N, C-alpha and C. Protein backbone atom coordinates (compact mmCIF):
# COMPACT_ATOMS: atom_id res chain seq x y z
N UNK A 1 -73.35 -108.62 -165.22
CA UNK A 1 -74.17 -109.77 -165.49
C UNK A 1 -74.10 -110.71 -164.30
N UNK A 2 -75.21 -111.36 -164.02
CA UNK A 2 -75.31 -112.23 -162.87
C UNK A 2 -74.59 -113.56 -163.12
N UNK A 3 -73.94 -114.07 -162.09
CA UNK A 3 -73.32 -115.39 -162.16
C UNK A 3 -74.28 -116.36 -161.48
N UNK A 4 -74.73 -117.37 -162.20
CA UNK A 4 -75.63 -118.36 -161.63
C UNK A 4 -75.03 -119.74 -161.82
N UNK A 5 -75.41 -120.64 -160.93
CA UNK A 5 -74.87 -121.99 -160.97
C UNK A 5 -75.78 -122.95 -161.74
N UNK A 6 -76.77 -122.42 -162.43
CA UNK A 6 -77.71 -123.24 -163.19
C UNK A 6 -77.21 -123.36 -164.63
N UNK A 7 -77.13 -124.57 -165.13
CA UNK A 7 -76.73 -124.82 -166.52
C UNK A 7 -77.92 -125.46 -167.23
N UNK A 8 -78.60 -124.72 -168.12
CA UNK A 8 -79.74 -125.29 -168.85
C UNK A 8 -79.31 -126.47 -169.72
N UNK A 9 -80.23 -127.40 -169.93
CA UNK A 9 -79.97 -128.57 -170.75
C UNK A 9 -80.57 -128.40 -172.15
N UNK A 10 -80.01 -129.09 -173.11
CA UNK A 10 -80.49 -129.14 -174.50
C UNK A 10 -80.72 -127.75 -175.06
N UNK A 11 -81.94 -127.46 -175.51
CA UNK A 11 -82.22 -126.17 -176.16
C UNK A 11 -82.86 -125.17 -175.19
N UNK A 12 -82.64 -125.34 -173.90
CA UNK A 12 -83.21 -124.43 -172.91
C UNK A 12 -82.31 -123.21 -172.73
N UNK A 13 -82.94 -122.08 -172.34
CA UNK A 13 -82.25 -120.81 -172.15
C UNK A 13 -82.71 -120.21 -170.83
N UNK A 14 -81.78 -119.69 -170.03
CA UNK A 14 -82.10 -119.01 -168.78
C UNK A 14 -82.07 -117.51 -169.05
N UNK A 15 -83.20 -116.84 -168.77
CA UNK A 15 -83.36 -115.43 -169.08
C UNK A 15 -83.69 -114.65 -167.81
N UNK A 16 -83.05 -113.49 -167.66
CA UNK A 16 -83.38 -112.57 -166.57
C UNK A 16 -84.32 -111.51 -167.16
N UNK A 17 -85.61 -111.52 -166.74
CA UNK A 17 -86.57 -110.56 -167.32
C UNK A 17 -86.18 -109.12 -167.01
N UNK A 18 -86.49 -108.22 -167.94
CA UNK A 18 -86.26 -106.79 -167.73
C UNK A 18 -87.24 -106.29 -166.67
N UNK A 19 -86.89 -105.20 -166.04
CA UNK A 19 -87.77 -104.60 -165.04
C UNK A 19 -89.03 -104.06 -165.71
N UNK A 20 -90.17 -104.19 -165.03
CA UNK A 20 -91.43 -103.64 -165.54
C UNK A 20 -91.38 -102.12 -165.45
N UNK A 21 -92.03 -101.48 -166.38
CA UNK A 21 -92.05 -100.02 -166.41
C UNK A 21 -92.77 -99.49 -165.16
N UNK A 22 -92.22 -98.44 -164.53
CA UNK A 22 -92.83 -97.86 -163.35
C UNK A 22 -93.52 -96.54 -163.66
N UNK A 23 -93.24 -95.98 -164.83
CA UNK A 23 -93.84 -94.72 -165.26
C UNK A 23 -94.25 -94.81 -166.72
N UNK A 24 -95.31 -94.11 -167.08
CA UNK A 24 -95.69 -94.02 -168.48
C UNK A 24 -94.85 -92.93 -169.14
N UNK A 25 -94.96 -92.80 -170.45
CA UNK A 25 -94.21 -91.78 -171.17
C UNK A 25 -94.61 -90.38 -170.73
N UNK A 26 -95.85 -90.22 -170.30
CA UNK A 26 -96.31 -88.90 -169.87
C UNK A 26 -96.02 -88.62 -168.39
N UNK A 27 -95.42 -89.59 -167.67
CA UNK A 27 -95.00 -89.36 -166.30
C UNK A 27 -95.92 -89.92 -165.24
N UNK A 28 -96.98 -90.62 -165.63
CA UNK A 28 -97.89 -91.21 -164.66
C UNK A 28 -97.24 -92.44 -164.05
N UNK A 29 -97.26 -92.54 -162.72
CA UNK A 29 -96.66 -93.67 -162.02
C UNK A 29 -97.63 -94.85 -162.05
N UNK A 30 -97.12 -96.01 -162.43
CA UNK A 30 -97.94 -97.23 -162.54
C UNK A 30 -97.82 -98.00 -161.23
N UNK A 31 -98.96 -98.32 -160.56
CA UNK A 31 -98.89 -99.11 -159.32
C UNK A 31 -98.49 -100.56 -159.61
N UNK A 32 -97.96 -101.24 -158.60
CA UNK A 32 -97.49 -102.62 -158.77
C UNK A 32 -98.58 -103.55 -159.29
N UNK A 33 -99.82 -103.33 -158.88
CA UNK A 33 -100.90 -104.21 -159.30
C UNK A 33 -101.25 -104.07 -160.77
N UNK A 34 -100.90 -102.97 -161.39
CA UNK A 34 -101.23 -102.72 -162.79
C UNK A 34 -100.05 -102.93 -163.73
N UNK A 35 -98.88 -103.25 -163.20
CA UNK A 35 -97.71 -103.44 -164.05
C UNK A 35 -97.87 -104.68 -164.91
N UNK A 36 -97.48 -104.55 -166.16
CA UNK A 36 -97.55 -105.67 -167.08
C UNK A 36 -96.23 -106.41 -167.08
N UNK A 37 -96.31 -107.73 -167.16
CA UNK A 37 -95.12 -108.57 -167.17
C UNK A 37 -94.28 -108.22 -168.40
N UNK A 38 -92.98 -107.95 -168.22
CA UNK A 38 -92.14 -107.61 -169.38
C UNK A 38 -91.98 -108.81 -170.31
N UNK A 39 -91.81 -108.53 -171.60
CA UNK A 39 -91.64 -109.60 -172.58
C UNK A 39 -90.26 -109.54 -173.22
N UNK A 40 -89.29 -108.95 -172.50
CA UNK A 40 -87.92 -108.97 -172.97
C UNK A 40 -87.01 -109.18 -171.77
N UNK A 41 -85.81 -109.65 -172.06
CA UNK A 41 -84.86 -109.91 -170.99
C UNK A 41 -83.49 -110.23 -171.55
N UNK A 42 -82.58 -110.49 -170.63
CA UNK A 42 -81.18 -110.76 -171.00
C UNK A 42 -80.89 -112.24 -170.77
N UNK A 43 -80.21 -112.85 -171.73
CA UNK A 43 -79.85 -114.27 -171.65
C UNK A 43 -78.69 -114.40 -170.65
N UNK A 44 -78.88 -115.26 -169.66
CA UNK A 44 -77.89 -115.47 -168.61
C UNK A 44 -77.09 -116.76 -168.85
N UNK A 45 -77.77 -117.81 -169.35
CA UNK A 45 -77.10 -119.09 -169.61
C UNK A 45 -77.85 -119.81 -170.72
N UNK A 46 -77.14 -120.61 -171.50
CA UNK A 46 -77.75 -121.39 -172.58
C UNK A 46 -77.30 -122.84 -172.50
N UNK A 47 -78.15 -123.74 -172.99
CA UNK A 47 -77.81 -125.15 -173.07
C UNK A 47 -76.95 -125.41 -174.29
N UNK A 48 -76.55 -126.65 -174.46
CA UNK A 48 -75.67 -127.03 -175.58
C UNK A 48 -76.42 -127.18 -176.89
N UNK A 49 -77.74 -127.25 -176.85
CA UNK A 49 -78.52 -127.44 -178.07
C UNK A 49 -78.83 -128.91 -178.28
N UNK A 50 -79.66 -129.17 -179.29
CA UNK A 50 -80.00 -130.55 -179.64
C UNK A 50 -78.96 -131.07 -180.63
N UNK A 51 -79.02 -132.35 -180.90
CA UNK A 51 -78.03 -133.00 -181.77
C UNK A 51 -77.93 -132.31 -183.13
N UNK A 52 -79.06 -132.04 -183.77
CA UNK A 52 -79.05 -131.45 -185.11
C UNK A 52 -79.35 -129.96 -185.11
N UNK A 53 -79.62 -129.38 -183.93
CA UNK A 53 -80.00 -127.97 -183.85
C UNK A 53 -79.19 -127.25 -182.77
N UNK A 54 -78.11 -126.58 -183.12
CA UNK A 54 -77.36 -125.82 -182.11
C UNK A 54 -78.15 -124.60 -181.66
N UNK A 55 -77.88 -124.14 -180.47
CA UNK A 55 -78.55 -122.95 -179.93
C UNK A 55 -77.98 -121.72 -180.63
N UNK A 56 -78.87 -120.81 -181.08
CA UNK A 56 -78.41 -119.65 -181.84
C UNK A 56 -78.27 -118.39 -180.99
N UNK A 57 -78.87 -118.37 -179.79
CA UNK A 57 -78.69 -117.20 -178.92
C UNK A 57 -77.46 -117.44 -178.05
N UNK A 58 -76.88 -116.35 -177.54
CA UNK A 58 -75.69 -116.50 -176.70
C UNK A 58 -75.86 -115.66 -175.43
N UNK A 59 -75.06 -115.94 -174.45
CA UNK A 59 -75.10 -115.22 -173.17
C UNK A 59 -74.87 -113.74 -173.43
N UNK A 60 -75.72 -112.90 -172.83
CA UNK A 60 -75.60 -111.46 -172.99
C UNK A 60 -76.58 -110.88 -173.99
N UNK A 61 -77.19 -111.72 -174.84
CA UNK A 61 -78.17 -111.22 -175.82
C UNK A 61 -79.41 -110.71 -175.10
N UNK A 62 -80.01 -109.65 -175.64
CA UNK A 62 -81.31 -109.18 -175.17
C UNK A 62 -82.34 -109.75 -176.12
N UNK A 63 -83.34 -110.45 -175.57
CA UNK A 63 -84.30 -111.17 -176.39
C UNK A 63 -85.74 -110.77 -176.09
N UNK A 64 -86.61 -110.99 -177.07
CA UNK A 64 -88.05 -110.83 -176.92
C UNK A 64 -88.66 -112.22 -176.89
N UNK A 65 -89.59 -112.45 -175.98
CA UNK A 65 -90.22 -113.77 -175.86
C UNK A 65 -91.71 -113.60 -175.63
N UNK A 66 -92.45 -114.70 -175.72
CA UNK A 66 -93.89 -114.69 -175.56
C UNK A 66 -94.32 -114.32 -174.15
N UNK A 67 -95.54 -113.81 -174.04
CA UNK A 67 -96.05 -113.34 -172.76
C UNK A 67 -96.11 -114.45 -171.70
N UNK A 68 -96.44 -115.65 -172.13
CA UNK A 68 -96.57 -116.77 -171.18
C UNK A 68 -95.46 -117.80 -171.36
N UNK A 69 -94.35 -117.39 -171.95
CA UNK A 69 -93.24 -118.31 -172.22
C UNK A 69 -92.46 -118.61 -170.94
N UNK A 70 -91.95 -119.81 -170.88
CA UNK A 70 -91.03 -120.18 -169.83
C UNK A 70 -91.65 -120.51 -168.49
N UNK A 71 -90.78 -120.96 -167.60
CA UNK A 71 -91.15 -121.30 -166.23
C UNK A 71 -90.38 -120.37 -165.30
N UNK A 72 -91.09 -119.74 -164.38
CA UNK A 72 -90.45 -118.82 -163.44
C UNK A 72 -89.72 -119.61 -162.36
N UNK A 73 -88.53 -119.15 -162.00
CA UNK A 73 -87.81 -119.73 -160.88
C UNK A 73 -87.00 -118.65 -160.18
N UNK A 74 -86.70 -118.92 -158.93
CA UNK A 74 -85.93 -117.97 -158.13
C UNK A 74 -84.60 -118.59 -157.76
N UNK A 75 -83.52 -117.85 -158.02
CA UNK A 75 -82.18 -118.30 -157.69
C UNK A 75 -81.52 -117.17 -156.92
N UNK A 76 -81.10 -117.43 -155.70
CA UNK A 76 -80.45 -116.43 -154.85
C UNK A 76 -81.29 -115.16 -154.73
N UNK A 77 -82.60 -115.31 -154.63
CA UNK A 77 -83.50 -114.16 -154.44
C UNK A 77 -83.83 -113.37 -155.70
N UNK A 78 -83.33 -113.79 -156.86
CA UNK A 78 -83.63 -113.10 -158.12
C UNK A 78 -84.55 -113.96 -158.97
N UNK A 79 -85.43 -113.28 -159.71
CA UNK A 79 -86.37 -113.96 -160.59
C UNK A 79 -85.74 -114.24 -161.95
N UNK A 80 -85.93 -115.45 -162.46
CA UNK A 80 -85.45 -115.84 -163.77
C UNK A 80 -86.55 -116.62 -164.48
N UNK A 81 -86.41 -116.76 -165.79
CA UNK A 81 -87.27 -117.62 -166.59
C UNK A 81 -86.39 -118.63 -167.30
N UNK A 82 -86.84 -119.88 -167.34
CA UNK A 82 -86.15 -120.87 -168.15
C UNK A 82 -87.14 -121.31 -169.22
N UNK A 83 -86.69 -121.27 -170.48
CA UNK A 83 -87.59 -121.54 -171.60
C UNK A 83 -86.84 -122.22 -172.73
N UNK A 84 -87.60 -122.78 -173.63
CA UNK A 84 -87.00 -123.35 -174.84
C UNK A 84 -86.58 -122.21 -175.76
N UNK A 85 -85.57 -122.45 -176.56
CA UNK A 85 -85.13 -121.42 -177.50
C UNK A 85 -86.24 -121.07 -178.49
N UNK A 86 -87.11 -122.01 -178.79
CA UNK A 86 -88.20 -121.76 -179.73
C UNK A 86 -89.24 -120.78 -179.18
N UNK A 87 -89.23 -120.54 -177.85
CA UNK A 87 -90.13 -119.55 -177.24
C UNK A 87 -89.62 -118.13 -177.43
N UNK A 88 -88.38 -117.98 -177.89
CA UNK A 88 -87.79 -116.67 -178.12
C UNK A 88 -88.13 -116.23 -179.53
N UNK A 89 -88.68 -115.00 -179.64
CA UNK A 89 -89.10 -114.49 -180.95
C UNK A 89 -87.99 -113.75 -181.67
N UNK A 90 -87.15 -113.00 -180.95
CA UNK A 90 -86.16 -112.18 -181.62
C UNK A 90 -85.02 -111.79 -180.67
N UNK A 91 -83.87 -111.49 -181.25
CA UNK A 91 -82.75 -110.93 -180.52
C UNK A 91 -82.70 -109.45 -180.89
N UNK A 92 -82.65 -108.58 -179.88
CA UNK A 92 -82.62 -107.13 -180.18
C UNK A 92 -81.31 -106.53 -179.72
């Protein structure tokens, strides 16, 4: 797991998106221009939560989130998303 120096605030969660698929199930290679943005990733850091609402996800969880959820940012050359916990649909 990656060590990052970013600590999300309140109900925010830092997620490392999963790699986009490079091949279909039948073996066809997908070019970079046609790859779809993944909608799952691993939780890297979590905030402390709001006063009445603690954060329910924890570091290391694999989560599903919305297609346009979060804000993209780059830390040490790696892509991450920072989003509200409410943008996360499920823990898998």
